[in-house]
């Protein structure tokens, strides 16, 4: 029983992280802060929610790409969640990667808000 309690505690923690990231993203967007920061928080809100789902089924990879792939395999391909959620997650991940690590690319505040809003659907 202890292990199940530990898993439940971890799932709750991940969902709290997701909500905090979402709240932070909204705060940043409303405060007209950098779109890069809004995208980062939107992605992590999605990511933490997916980790909570994967924890529930006992499969939590160590890399972001593995997490996204397992979400697709375990939840999207099986019809539990619609493909649009997968597309939203992939888009947020790609934007975060580009903005954080790759090119000097700018993104509009409106686009950042759109990505943040799509997090609500996950």
Protein backbone atom coordinates (compact mmCIF):
# COMPACT_ATOMS: atom_id res chain seq x y z
CA UNK A 1 0.00 0.00 0.00
CA UNK A 2 2.91 2.35 0.68
CA UNK A 3 3.99 2.29 -2.96
CA UNK A 4 0.49 3.27 -4.15
CA UNK A 5 0.47 6.16 -1.67
CA UNK A 6 3.86 7.30 -2.97
CA UNK A 7 2.60 7.19 -6.56
CA UNK A 8 -0.55 9.11 -5.63
CA UNK A 9 1.56 11.74 -3.87
CA UNK A 10 3.83 12.04 -6.91
CA UNK A 11 0.86 12.36 -9.28
CA UNK A 12 -0.62 15.09 -7.09
CA UNK A 13 2.74 16.88 -7.02
CA UNK A 14 3.07 16.75 -10.82
CA UNK A 15 -0.46 18.11 -11.26
CA UNK A 16 0.35 20.93 -8.85
CA UNK A 17 3.48 21.68 -10.89
CA UNK A 18 1.33 21.75 -14.04
CA UNK A 19 -1.12 24.18 -12.46
CA UNK A 20 1.68 26.41 -11.17
CA UNK A 21 3.31 26.51 -14.61
CA UNK A 22 -0.05 27.36 -16.19
CA UNK A 23 -0.72 30.09 -13.64
CA UNK A 24 2.78 31.48 -14.19
CA UNK A 25 2.22 31.48 -17.95
CA UNK A 26 -1.05 33.40 -17.57
CA UNK A 27 0.64 35.87 -15.22
CA UNK A 28 3.47 36.42 -17.70
CA UNK A 29 1.08 36.80 -20.64
CA UNK A 30 -1.18 39.22 -18.76
CA UNK A 31 1.88 41.19 -17.63
CA UNK A 32 3.06 41.43 -21.24
CA UNK A 33 6.29 39.64 -20.39
CA UNK A 34 8.40 37.80 -22.94
CA UNK A 35 6.59 35.38 -25.25
CA UNK A 36 9.53 32.99 -24.78
CA UNK A 37 8.74 32.76 -21.07
CA UNK A 38 5.03 32.23 -21.77
CA UNK A 39 5.85 29.37 -24.17
CA UNK A 40 8.21 27.84 -21.62
CA UNK A 41 5.55 27.84 -18.92
CA UNK A 42 2.84 26.58 -21.31
CA UNK A 43 5.04 23.68 -22.38
CA UNK A 44 5.94 22.74 -18.83
CA UNK A 45 2.28 22.86 -17.79
CA UNK A 46 1.60 20.29 -20.52
CA UNK A 47 4.72 18.28 -19.71
CA UNK A 48 3.97 17.95 -15.99
CA UNK A 49 0.38 16.91 -16.73
CA UNK A 50 1.64 14.21 -19.10
CA UNK A 51 4.13 12.99 -16.50
CA UNK A 52 1.25 12.67 -14.03
CA UNK A 53 -0.68 10.56 -16.56
CA UNK A 54 2.33 8.37 -17.25
CA UNK A 55 3.02 7.97 -13.55
CA UNK A 56 -0.51 6.64 -13.18
CA UNK A 57 0.33 3.79 -15.58
CA UNK A 58 3.85 3.28 -14.19
CA UNK A 59 5.78 4.50 -17.24
CA UNK A 60 7.88 7.63 -16.79
CA UNK A 61 10.80 8.12 -19.19
CA UNK A 62 13.80 10.24 -18.32
CA UNK A 63 13.70 12.46 -21.43
CA UNK A 64 11.17 14.92 -22.75
CA UNK A 65 11.03 13.22 -26.15
CA UNK A 66 10.36 9.87 -24.49
CA UNK A 67 7.60 11.40 -22.40
CA UNK A 68 5.92 12.87 -25.46
CA UNK A 69 6.31 9.63 -27.40
CA UNK A 70 4.77 7.57 -24.58
CA UNK A 71 1.88 10.02 -24.29
CA UNK A 72 1.20 9.49 -27.97
CA UNK A 73 1.51 5.70 -27.73
CA UNK A 74 -0.39 5.16 -24.49
CA UNK A 75 -3.09 7.80 -24.72
CA UNK A 76 -3.46 9.27 -28.21
CA UNK A 77 -3.04 6.21 -30.40
CA UNK A 78 -5.39 4.27 -28.12
CA UNK A 79 -8.05 6.96 -28.56
CA UNK A 80 -8.07 8.10 -24.93
CA UNK A 81 -7.12 11.64 -25.94
CA UNK A 82 -7.65 13.31 -29.35
CA UNK A 83 -4.77 13.79 -31.79
CA UNK A 84 -5.13 17.54 -31.42
CA UNK A 85 -3.70 17.31 -27.90
CA UNK A 86 -0.67 15.53 -29.28
CA UNK A 87 -0.22 18.21 -31.94
CA UNK A 88 -0.48 20.93 -29.28
CA UNK A 89 2.11 19.21 -27.09
CA UNK A 90 4.49 18.66 -30.00
CA UNK A 91 4.13 22.29 -31.13
CA UNK A 92 4.80 23.64 -27.64
CA UNK A 93 7.84 21.36 -27.30
CA UNK A 94 9.22 22.42 -30.69
CA UNK A 95 8.72 26.12 -29.96
CA UNK A 96 10.35 25.82 -26.56
CA UNK A 97 13.31 23.99 -28.10
CA UNK A 98 13.77 26.62 -30.80
CA UNK A 99 13.34 29.59 -28.46
CA UNK A 100 15.51 28.17 -25.67
CA UNK A 101 18.29 26.47 -27.60
CA UNK A 102 18.46 27.08 -31.31
CA UNK A 103 18.05 30.29 -33.24
CA UNK A 104 17.44 33.86 -32.39
CA UNK A 105 13.78 33.69 -33.24
CA UNK A 106 11.08 35.97 -32.00
CA UNK A 107 7.52 34.98 -31.35
CA UNK A 108 4.53 37.23 -31.02
CA UNK A 109 2.67 37.69 -27.77
CA UNK A 110 -0.50 36.49 -29.54
CA UNK A 111 1.18 33.23 -30.62
CA UNK A 112 2.47 32.67 -27.09
CA UNK A 113 -1.05 33.22 -25.74
CA UNK A 114 -2.43 30.74 -28.27
CA UNK A 115 0.00 28.04 -27.09
CA UNK A 116 -0.85 28.79 -23.46
CA UNK A 117 -4.57 28.47 -24.19
CA UNK A 118 -4.04 25.09 -25.86
CA UNK A 119 -2.56 23.81 -22.61
CA UNK A 120 -6.08 24.00 -21.11
CA UNK A 121 -7.10 21.16 -23.39
CA UNK A 122 -4.52 18.74 -22.02
